[in-house]
């Protein structure tokens, strides 16, 4: 039996979160503490 080759675009079930550079480079984001960033990411997920 041959194994099926996975497509390059087939997802493995994992998730990701995209944040725009405009957000990451904003003064408001830069001033966040580590805990505040973690909370923001938890809410976004």
Protein backbone atom coordinates (compact mmCIF):
# COMPACT_ATOMS: atom_id res chain seq x y z
CA UNK A 1 0.00 0.00 0.00
CA UNK A 2 1.21 3.50 -0.75
CA UNK A 3 0.91 6.35 1.68
CA UNK A 4 -1.04 9.39 0.57
CA UNK A 5 1.16 12.45 0.17
CA UNK A 6 -0.19 15.43 2.07
CA UNK A 7 -0.88 18.54 0.08
CA UNK A 8 1.33 21.53 0.85
CA UNK A 9 -1.83 23.48 1.68
CA UNK A 10 -3.46 20.84 3.88
CA UNK A 11 -3.74 22.01 7.48
CA UNK A 12 -2.67 19.85 10.38
CA UNK A 13 -5.39 21.11 12.74
CA UNK A 14 -3.18 23.63 14.52
CA UNK A 15 -4.27 27.24 14.89
CA UNK A 16 -2.47 30.51 14.36
CA UNK A 17 -3.18 34.17 15.00
CA UNK A 18 -2.08 36.87 12.57
CA UNK A 19 -1.39 40.32 13.98
CA UNK A 20 -0.80 43.20 11.55
CA UNK A 21 2.51 45.05 11.75
CA UNK A 22 0.52 48.23 12.35
CA UNK A 23 -0.64 46.74 15.65
CA UNK A 24 2.74 45.32 16.66
CA UNK A 25 4.52 48.61 15.95
CA UNK A 26 1.92 50.84 17.62
CA UNK A 27 2.90 52.80 20.71
CA UNK A 28 -0.05 51.32 22.62
CA UNK A 29 1.14 47.74 21.96
CA UNK A 30 4.76 48.57 22.74
CA UNK A 31 3.76 49.96 26.14
CA UNK A 32 1.88 46.79 27.15
CA UNK A 33 3.38 44.62 29.88
CA UNK A 34 4.00 40.93 29.32
CA UNK A 35 0.83 39.98 31.17
CA UNK A 36 -1.22 42.45 29.15
CA UNK A 37 0.11 41.01 25.88
CA UNK A 38 -0.76 37.48 27.04
CA UNK A 39 -4.30 38.62 27.90
CA UNK A 40 -4.66 40.30 24.49
CA UNK A 41 -3.54 37.10 22.73
CA UNK A 42 -5.88 34.95 24.85
CA UNK A 43 -8.83 37.19 23.96
CA UNK A 44 -7.86 37.23 20.28
CA UNK A 45 -7.72 33.44 20.13
